[in-house]
Every structure is written in C-alpha cells, then in structure tokens.
Amino acid sequence: MDCIICNRIEMIEKGTNKHFVCEMQSGYVVLGDSQFYKGYTLLLSKQHCSELHQLDQETKLLFLKEMSVVAEAVYNVFQPIKLNQELLGNRDAHLHWHIFPRHTDDPNIHNPVWIIDKEIRNHTVLEDQELEERKELLKREIELLMVT
C-alpha cells in the first residue's frame, strides 16, 4: 500500500519526521510542512481507514476528543481569530484532521484555505529553530490540556 500518511507515520516511528509534535492515543500530531497558515497542524490517525465511521465506536470518540484537544491547543498557542478544521481525505484516503488557524493578516479570511494557490500556500517552510519552537509550544499546551 502506498499511503502518504502511513509513510509519514512510519517516519515518526523511525524518528525522521521533523514535523512530529507528539503522540496521542489515537494518532500523531504534526505541524504542517508549510506554515503559510501560522500554526497549521494535523492529527494523523494511527489506524489506516478512509472514513470516520470505519473506526470502532470507542476509537472514533477518542479520535474526535483528541482532535478537539489539539484544536484547542492550536488556538491557545497561535491565537487566531478563527480555526478551520477539516477531515477530507479526497487525495490521501487515510483519516487525518487539518487544523488551520486563520489570522487577521489572512489574504482570504472569508474563503476556504484551499482557495490560495498551492504554489503560494505550500512554500512557507520554517527554519529549524522556529519549527522546533512552535512544536515545543504546541506539545506543552497539548500536554497541559490532556491533564485538565
């Protein structure tokens, strides 16, 4: 099976995915490769399936709860004016949440994130130090929210 999400998870397990933030019970948190939307984060399901209803009830509820925790952490750390949360999988049919913080300087605040040409939105790559700082802030906030 050639699944980009499974490949990313394999990189996490090997310690080679530099965007990896933390592991949760149902999935893995990563910062998006591009940070055009400052704080763009994903939650990758540990189980390879294409639809939420394909998870057993307990796993599905846990995945939804953890997505909510990750979204709240993204909101607290990056302080957007709005969050967009999407579970698509049209191209990569492996359950994964996109969490997009929307900020006041967003060029198309009233439109979906995908309206920005991918040649623009996919090329905001952070320097290693800034990437590590964002990951650490997000990880600490997730850990704090998981305790409360």
N, C-alpha and C. Protein backbone atom coordinates (compact mmCIF):
# COMPACT_ATOMS: atom_id res chain seq x y z
N MET A 1 0.86 -1.18 0.00
CA MET A 1 0.00 0.00 0.00
C MET A 1 0.89 1.24 0.00
N ASP A 2 0.59 2.18 -0.87
CA ASP A 2 1.37 3.42 -0.93
C ASP A 2 0.49 4.56 -0.42
N CYS A 3 0.61 4.84 0.87
CA CYS A 3 -0.20 5.87 1.52
C CYS A 3 0.75 6.91 2.11
N ILE A 4 0.60 8.15 1.69
CA ILE A 4 1.49 9.21 2.17
C ILE A 4 1.39 9.39 3.69
N ILE A 5 0.19 9.22 4.25
CA ILE A 5 0.02 9.37 5.70
C ILE A 5 0.71 8.22 6.43
N CYS A 6 0.52 7.00 5.94
CA CYS A 6 1.22 5.85 6.54
C CYS A 6 2.73 6.04 6.44
N ASN A 7 3.20 6.58 5.33
CA ASN A 7 4.64 6.85 5.17
C ASN A 7 5.11 7.89 6.18
N ARG A 8 4.31 8.92 6.41
CA ARG A 8 4.67 9.94 7.41
C ARG A 8 4.69 9.34 8.81
N ILE A 9 3.74 8.46 9.11
CA ILE A 9 3.71 7.80 10.41
C ILE A 9 4.93 6.90 10.58
N GLU A 10 5.29 6.22 9.53
CA GLU A 10 6.50 5.38 9.58
C GLU A 10 7.73 6.24 9.87
N MET A 11 7.80 7.43 9.28
CA MET A 11 8.90 8.35 9.57
C MET A 11 8.89 8.77 11.04
N ILE A 12 7.71 9.01 11.58
CA ILE A 12 7.59 9.36 13.00
C ILE A 12 8.16 8.23 13.85
N GLU A 13 7.74 7.00 13.54
CA GLU A 13 8.17 5.84 14.31
C GLU A 13 9.68 5.61 14.20
N LYS A 14 10.29 6.03 13.08
CA LYS A 14 11.74 5.91 12.90
C LYS A 14 12.49 7.12 13.44
N GLY A 15 11.73 8.16 13.88
CA GLY A 15 12.37 9.37 14.39
C GLY A 15 12.91 10.29 13.32
N THR A 16 12.37 10.20 12.10
CA THR A 16 12.87 11.02 11.00
C THR A 16 11.88 12.06 10.48
N ASN A 17 10.73 12.19 11.12
CA ASN A 17 9.74 13.19 10.69
C ASN A 17 9.95 14.44 11.54
N LYS A 18 10.58 15.46 10.95
CA LYS A 18 10.93 16.65 11.73
C LYS A 18 9.72 17.50 12.11
N HIS A 19 8.55 17.19 11.57
CA HIS A 19 7.34 17.95 11.89
C HIS A 19 6.53 17.33 13.03
N PHE A 20 6.98 16.18 13.51
CA PHE A 20 6.29 15.46 14.58
C PHE A 20 6.30 16.28 15.87
N VAL A 21 5.10 16.43 16.47
CA VAL A 21 4.93 17.17 17.71
C VAL A 21 4.80 16.22 18.89
N CYS A 22 3.80 15.33 18.83
CA CYS A 22 3.60 14.39 19.94
C CYS A 22 2.67 13.27 19.50
N GLU A 23 2.72 12.19 20.28
CA GLU A 23 1.84 11.05 20.05
C GLU A 23 0.67 11.13 21.01
N MET A 24 -0.50 10.83 20.49
CA MET A 24 -1.70 10.72 21.31
C MET A 24 -2.16 9.27 21.22
N GLN A 25 -3.20 8.92 21.94
CA GLN A 25 -3.67 7.53 21.91
C GLN A 25 -4.17 7.12 20.52
N SER A 26 -4.86 8.03 19.85
CA SER A 26 -5.48 7.67 18.57
C SER A 26 -4.68 8.12 17.35
N GLY A 27 -3.68 8.96 17.55
CA GLY A 27 -2.96 9.47 16.39
C GLY A 27 -1.70 10.23 16.75
N TYR A 28 -1.15 10.85 15.73
CA TYR A 28 0.08 11.62 15.86
C TYR A 28 -0.18 13.06 15.44
N VAL A 29 0.36 13.99 16.21
CA VAL A 29 0.23 15.41 15.91
C VAL A 29 1.49 15.86 15.18
N VAL A 30 1.28 16.56 14.07
CA VAL A 30 2.40 17.12 13.31
C VAL A 30 2.06 18.55 12.91
N LEU A 31 3.08 19.37 12.82
CA LEU A 31 2.89 20.68 12.20
C LEU A 31 2.91 20.46 10.69
N GLY A 32 2.12 21.24 9.98
CA GLY A 32 2.12 21.14 8.53
C GLY A 32 3.48 21.49 7.95
N ASP A 33 3.84 20.83 6.86
CA ASP A 33 5.13 21.11 6.21
C ASP A 33 5.26 22.58 5.87
N SER A 34 4.18 23.18 5.42
CA SER A 34 4.16 24.60 5.10
C SER A 34 3.38 25.33 6.19
N GLN A 35 3.88 26.47 6.60
CA GLN A 35 3.25 27.25 7.65
C GLN A 35 2.72 28.58 7.11
N PHE A 36 2.20 28.54 5.86
CA PHE A 36 1.55 29.73 5.31
C PHE A 36 0.46 30.19 6.27
N TYR A 37 -0.28 29.22 6.82
CA TYR A 37 -1.25 29.50 7.88
C TYR A 37 -0.52 29.16 9.19
N LYS A 38 -0.07 30.21 9.86
CA LYS A 38 0.78 30.04 11.05
C LYS A 38 0.11 29.13 12.08
N GLY A 39 0.77 27.99 12.34
CA GLY A 39 0.24 27.03 13.29
C GLY A 39 -0.53 25.89 12.66
N TYR A 40 -0.56 25.82 11.33
CA TYR A 40 -1.27 24.75 10.64
C TYR A 40 -0.78 23.40 11.18
N THR A 41 -1.73 22.60 11.66
CA THR A 41 -1.42 21.36 12.36
C THR A 41 -2.31 20.24 11.83
N LEU A 42 -1.81 19.01 11.91
CA LEU A 42 -2.59 17.85 11.50
C LEU A 42 -2.58 16.81 12.61
N LEU A 43 -3.67 16.06 12.69
CA LEU A 43 -3.75 14.89 13.56
C LEU A 43 -3.94 13.69 12.64
N LEU A 44 -2.94 12.81 12.61
CA LEU A 44 -2.93 11.65 11.73
C LEU A 44 -3.41 10.42 12.51
N SER A 45 -4.44 9.78 12.05
CA SER A 45 -4.97 8.60 12.72
C SER A 45 -3.95 7.46 12.69
N LYS A 46 -3.84 6.75 13.80
CA LYS A 46 -2.97 5.57 13.84
C LYS A 46 -3.54 4.44 12.98
N GLN A 47 -4.84 4.43 12.81
CA GLN A 47 -5.47 3.38 12.00
C GLN A 47 -5.65 3.85 10.57
N HIS A 48 -5.25 3.01 9.64
CA HIS A 48 -5.45 3.35 8.24
C HIS A 48 -6.86 2.96 7.83
N CYS A 49 -7.69 3.96 7.66
CA CYS A 49 -9.01 3.79 7.07
C CYS A 49 -9.38 5.13 6.45
N SER A 50 -10.38 5.14 5.62
CA SER A 50 -10.70 6.35 4.88
C SER A 50 -11.87 7.15 5.45
N GLU A 51 -12.66 6.53 6.32
CA GLU A 51 -13.85 7.20 6.83
C GLU A 51 -13.93 7.08 8.35
N LEU A 52 -14.42 8.12 8.98
CA LEU A 52 -14.57 8.16 10.43
C LEU A 52 -15.44 7.01 10.93
N HIS A 53 -16.52 6.71 10.21
CA HIS A 53 -17.44 5.65 10.66
C HIS A 53 -16.82 4.26 10.58
N GLN A 54 -15.66 4.12 9.96
CA GLN A 54 -14.99 2.82 9.88
C GLN A 54 -14.23 2.48 11.17
N LEU A 55 -14.06 3.45 12.05
CA LEU A 55 -13.43 3.19 13.34
C LEU A 55 -14.47 2.59 14.29
N ASP A 56 -14.02 1.75 15.22
CA ASP A 56 -14.97 1.28 16.22
C ASP A 56 -15.38 2.47 17.08
N GLN A 57 -16.49 2.34 17.76
CA GLN A 57 -17.09 3.47 18.49
C GLN A 57 -16.12 4.10 19.49
N GLU A 58 -15.43 3.29 20.26
CA GLU A 58 -14.51 3.81 21.27
C GLU A 58 -13.36 4.59 20.64
N THR A 59 -12.78 4.05 19.58
CA THR A 59 -11.67 4.71 18.89
C THR A 59 -12.14 6.00 18.22
N LYS A 60 -13.33 5.94 17.63
CA LYS A 60 -13.89 7.13 16.96
C LYS A 60 -14.08 8.27 17.96
N LEU A 61 -14.67 7.98 19.11
CA LEU A 61 -14.89 9.02 20.12
C LEU A 61 -13.58 9.56 20.66
N LEU A 62 -12.60 8.69 20.84
CA LEU A 62 -11.28 9.11 21.31
C LEU A 62 -10.61 10.01 20.27
N PHE A 63 -10.67 9.62 18.99
CA PHE A 63 -10.09 10.41 17.91
C PHE A 63 -10.72 11.80 17.85
N LEU A 64 -12.04 11.87 17.98
CA LEU A 64 -12.73 13.16 17.97
C LEU A 64 -12.35 14.01 19.18
N LYS A 65 -12.27 13.38 20.34
CA LYS A 65 -11.88 14.10 21.55
C LYS A 65 -10.47 14.65 21.41
N GLU A 66 -9.56 13.81 20.93
CA GLU A 66 -8.17 14.26 20.81
C GLU A 66 -8.03 15.33 19.74
N MET A 67 -8.81 15.25 18.67
CA MET A 67 -8.79 16.32 17.67
C MET A 67 -9.22 17.63 18.31
N SER A 68 -10.22 17.58 19.17
CA SER A 68 -10.70 18.77 19.85
C SER A 68 -9.63 19.36 20.77
N VAL A 69 -8.91 18.49 21.46
CA VAL A 69 -7.81 18.95 22.32
C VAL A 69 -6.72 19.60 21.49
N VAL A 70 -6.35 18.98 20.38
CA VAL A 70 -5.31 19.54 19.51
C VAL A 70 -5.76 20.89 18.97
N ALA A 71 -7.01 20.98 18.54
CA ALA A 71 -7.53 22.25 18.02
C ALA A 71 -7.49 23.34 19.09
N GLU A 72 -7.88 22.99 20.31
CA GLU A 72 -7.83 23.98 21.39
C GLU A 72 -6.40 24.41 21.67
N ALA A 73 -5.48 23.47 21.64
CA ALA A 73 -4.07 23.80 21.85
C ALA A 73 -3.56 24.73 20.75
N VAL A 74 -3.91 24.44 19.51
CA VAL A 74 -3.52 25.30 18.39
C VAL A 74 -4.08 26.70 18.61
N TYR A 75 -5.32 26.77 19.01
CA TYR A 75 -5.97 28.06 19.26
C TYR A 75 -5.24 28.82 20.38
N ASN A 76 -4.93 28.14 21.47
CA ASN A 76 -4.27 28.80 22.60
C ASN A 76 -2.86 29.27 22.25
N VAL A 77 -2.13 28.48 21.51
CA VAL A 77 -0.73 28.80 21.19
C VAL A 77 -0.63 29.87 20.11
N PHE A 78 -1.41 29.74 19.04
CA PHE A 78 -1.23 30.62 17.88
C PHE A 78 -2.22 31.78 17.84
N GLN A 79 -3.21 31.78 18.71
CA GLN A 79 -4.16 32.86 18.90
C GLN A 79 -4.77 33.41 17.61
N PRO A 80 -5.38 32.54 16.83
CA PRO A 80 -6.04 33.00 15.61
C PRO A 80 -7.38 33.66 15.95
N ILE A 81 -7.98 34.27 14.94
CA ILE A 81 -9.32 34.80 15.14
C ILE A 81 -10.38 33.73 14.86
N LYS A 82 -9.95 32.63 14.20
CA LYS A 82 -10.86 31.53 13.85
C LYS A 82 -10.03 30.31 13.52
N LEU A 83 -10.60 29.14 13.78
CA LEU A 83 -9.99 27.88 13.36
C LEU A 83 -10.86 27.24 12.29
N ASN A 84 -10.22 26.66 11.29
CA ASN A 84 -10.91 25.80 10.33
C ASN A 84 -10.41 24.39 10.58
N GLN A 85 -11.34 23.45 10.71
CA GLN A 85 -11.00 22.05 10.97
C GLN A 85 -11.65 21.21 9.91
N GLU A 86 -10.83 20.41 9.23
CA GLU A 86 -11.36 19.63 8.12
C GLU A 86 -10.84 18.20 8.15
N LEU A 87 -11.72 17.28 7.85
CA LEU A 87 -11.40 15.88 7.68
C LEU A 87 -11.80 15.54 6.25
N LEU A 88 -10.84 15.58 5.35
CA LEU A 88 -11.17 15.42 3.93
C LEU A 88 -10.78 14.04 3.42
N GLY A 89 -9.55 13.86 3.04
CA GLY A 89 -9.08 12.58 2.54
C GLY A 89 -9.43 12.29 1.09
N ASN A 90 -9.77 13.31 0.34
CA ASN A 90 -10.08 13.09 -1.07
C ASN A 90 -8.86 12.64 -1.86
N ARG A 91 -7.71 13.19 -1.50
CA ARG A 91 -6.46 12.82 -2.18
C ARG A 91 -5.72 11.74 -1.42
N ASP A 92 -5.64 11.88 -0.11
CA ASP A 92 -4.94 10.93 0.75
C ASP A 92 -5.97 10.26 1.65
N ALA A 93 -6.43 9.09 1.24
CA ALA A 93 -7.55 8.40 1.90
C ALA A 93 -7.10 7.68 3.17
N HIS A 94 -6.63 8.44 4.12
CA HIS A 94 -6.23 7.96 5.44
C HIS A 94 -6.73 9.04 6.39
N LEU A 95 -7.49 8.66 7.42
CA LEU A 95 -8.06 9.65 8.32
C LEU A 95 -7.01 10.60 8.85
N HIS A 96 -7.23 11.88 8.64
CA HIS A 96 -6.35 12.92 9.20
C HIS A 96 -7.10 14.24 9.22
N TRP A 97 -6.96 14.93 10.34
CA TRP A 97 -7.58 16.24 10.51
C TRP A 97 -6.62 17.33 10.11
N HIS A 98 -7.11 18.32 9.38
CA HIS A 98 -6.38 19.55 9.11
C HIS A 98 -6.92 20.60 10.08
N ILE A 99 -6.04 21.27 10.79
CA ILE A 99 -6.45 22.35 11.70
C ILE A 99 -5.72 23.61 11.24
N PHE A 100 -6.49 24.52 10.67
CA PHE A 100 -5.95 25.75 10.09
C PHE A 100 -6.29 26.95 10.97
N PRO A 101 -5.32 27.57 11.62
CA PRO A 101 -5.59 28.83 12.31
C PRO A 101 -5.74 29.94 11.26
N ARG A 102 -6.75 30.75 11.42
CA ARG A 102 -6.96 31.87 10.50
C ARG A 102 -6.68 33.16 11.27
N HIS A 103 -5.80 33.98 10.72
CA HIS A 103 -5.33 35.19 11.39
C HIS A 103 -5.80 36.45 10.64
N THR A 104 -5.69 37.57 11.29
CA THR A 104 -6.17 38.83 10.69
C THR A 104 -5.44 39.18 9.40
N ASP A 105 -4.20 38.70 9.23
CA ASP A 105 -3.46 39.01 8.00
C ASP A 105 -3.70 37.98 6.90
N ASP A 106 -4.64 37.07 7.11
CA ASP A 106 -5.00 36.06 6.14
C ASP A 106 -5.53 36.76 4.88
N PRO A 107 -4.96 36.48 3.70
CA PRO A 107 -5.37 37.20 2.49
C PRO A 107 -6.80 36.89 2.03
N ASN A 108 -7.38 35.78 2.47
CA ASN A 108 -8.74 35.42 2.05
C ASN A 108 -9.52 34.89 3.24
N ILE A 109 -9.63 35.68 4.27
CA ILE A 109 -10.18 35.24 5.56
C ILE A 109 -11.59 34.66 5.45
N HIS A 110 -12.36 35.08 4.49
CA HIS A 110 -13.75 34.62 4.38
C HIS A 110 -13.92 33.42 3.44
N ASN A 111 -12.82 32.90 2.92
CA ASN A 111 -12.88 31.78 1.98
C ASN A 111 -12.13 30.57 2.53
N PRO A 112 -12.39 29.40 1.96
CA PRO A 112 -11.64 28.21 2.38
C PRO A 112 -10.14 28.39 2.14
N VAL A 113 -9.34 27.71 2.95
CA VAL A 113 -7.88 27.84 2.83
C VAL A 113 -7.38 27.40 1.46
N TRP A 114 -8.09 26.48 0.86
CA TRP A 114 -7.63 25.89 -0.40
C TRP A 114 -7.73 26.87 -1.58
N ILE A 115 -8.36 28.02 -1.36
CA ILE A 115 -8.52 28.99 -2.45
C ILE A 115 -7.19 29.67 -2.80
N ILE A 116 -6.28 29.70 -1.84
CA ILE A 116 -4.94 30.24 -2.11
C ILE A 116 -4.20 29.22 -2.97
N ASP A 117 -3.61 29.68 -4.04
CA ASP A 117 -2.88 28.79 -4.94
C ASP A 117 -1.85 27.98 -4.17
N LYS A 118 -1.80 26.68 -4.45
CA LYS A 118 -0.89 25.81 -3.68
C LYS A 118 0.57 26.16 -3.90
N GLU A 119 0.89 26.81 -4.99
CA GLU A 119 2.27 27.26 -5.20
C GLU A 119 2.65 28.35 -4.19
N ILE A 120 1.67 29.02 -3.63
CA ILE A 120 1.91 30.03 -2.60
C ILE A 120 1.81 29.38 -1.22
N ARG A 121 0.70 28.70 -0.94
CA ARG A 121 0.47 28.19 0.42
C ARG A 121 1.35 27.02 0.80
N ASN A 122 1.95 26.34 -0.16
CA ASN A 122 2.78 25.18 0.17
C ASN A 122 4.27 25.48 0.26
N HIS A 123 4.63 26.76 0.28
CA HIS A 123 6.06 27.08 0.25
C HIS A 123 6.51 27.99 1.38
N THR A 124 5.85 27.92 2.52
CA THR A 124 6.29 28.68 3.69
C THR A 124 6.93 27.69 4.65
N VAL A 125 8.22 27.45 4.43
CA VAL A 125 8.96 26.47 5.21
C VAL A 125 9.73 27.21 6.29
N LEU A 126 9.61 26.71 7.52
CA LEU A 126 10.27 27.36 8.65
C LEU A 126 11.72 26.91 8.78
N GLU A 127 12.53 27.80 9.32
CA GLU A 127 13.89 27.43 9.71
C GLU A 127 13.76 26.44 10.86
N ASP A 128 14.75 25.58 11.02
CA ASP A 128 14.68 24.53 12.05
C ASP A 128 14.40 25.06 13.44
N GLN A 129 15.03 26.16 13.82
CA GLN A 129 14.84 26.69 15.18
C GLN A 129 13.40 27.13 15.40
N GLU A 130 12.82 27.83 14.45
CA GLU A 130 11.43 28.27 14.60
C GLU A 130 10.47 27.08 14.60
N LEU A 131 10.74 26.09 13.77
CA LEU A 131 9.94 24.88 13.74
C LEU A 131 9.97 24.20 15.11
N GLU A 132 11.15 24.06 15.69
CA GLU A 132 11.29 23.42 17.00
C GLU A 132 10.56 24.21 18.08
N GLU A 133 10.63 25.53 18.01
CA GLU A 133 9.94 26.37 19.00
C GLU A 133 8.43 26.19 18.91
N ARG A 134 7.90 26.19 17.71
CA ARG A 134 6.45 26.01 17.54
C ARG A 134 6.02 24.63 18.02
N LYS A 135 6.79 23.62 17.67
CA LYS A 135 6.47 22.25 18.10
C LYS A 135 6.46 22.14 19.62
N GLU A 136 7.45 22.72 20.26
CA GLU A 136 7.55 22.63 21.72
C GLU A 136 6.39 23.36 22.40
N LEU A 137 6.04 24.55 21.91
CA LEU A 137 4.91 25.28 22.48
C LEU A 137 3.62 24.48 22.34
N LEU A 138 3.41 23.90 21.16
CA LEU A 138 2.19 23.13 20.91
C LEU A 138 2.17 21.86 21.77
N LYS A 139 3.29 21.19 21.85
CA LYS A 139 3.37 19.97 22.66
C LYS A 139 3.05 20.26 24.12
N ARG A 140 3.63 21.32 24.66
CA ARG A 140 3.38 21.67 26.06
C ARG A 140 1.91 21.99 26.30
N GLU A 141 1.29 22.70 25.37
CA GLU A 141 -0.12 23.05 25.51
C GLU A 141 -1.02 21.82 25.43
N ILE A 142 -0.71 20.91 24.52
CA ILE A 142 -1.48 19.67 24.43
C ILE A 142 -1.36 18.88 25.73
N GLU A 143 -0.15 18.77 26.24
CA GLU A 143 0.07 18.04 27.49
C GLU A 143 -0.71 18.69 28.64
N LEU A 144 -0.72 20.00 28.69
CA LEU A 144 -1.47 20.73 29.72
C LEU A 144 -2.96 20.44 29.61
N LEU A 145 -3.48 20.49 28.41
CA LEU A 145 -4.93 20.25 28.21
C LEU A 145 -5.31 18.80 28.49
N MET A 146 -4.41 17.87 28.24
CA MET A 146 -4.70 16.45 28.48
C MET A 146 -4.77 16.14 29.96
N VAL A 147 -4.12 16.96 30.78
CA VAL A 147 -4.11 16.75 32.23
C VAL A 147 -5.38 17.30 32.86
N THR A 148 -5.88 18.40 32.31
CA THR A 148 -7.06 19.06 32.90
C THR A 148 -8.35 18.42 32.48
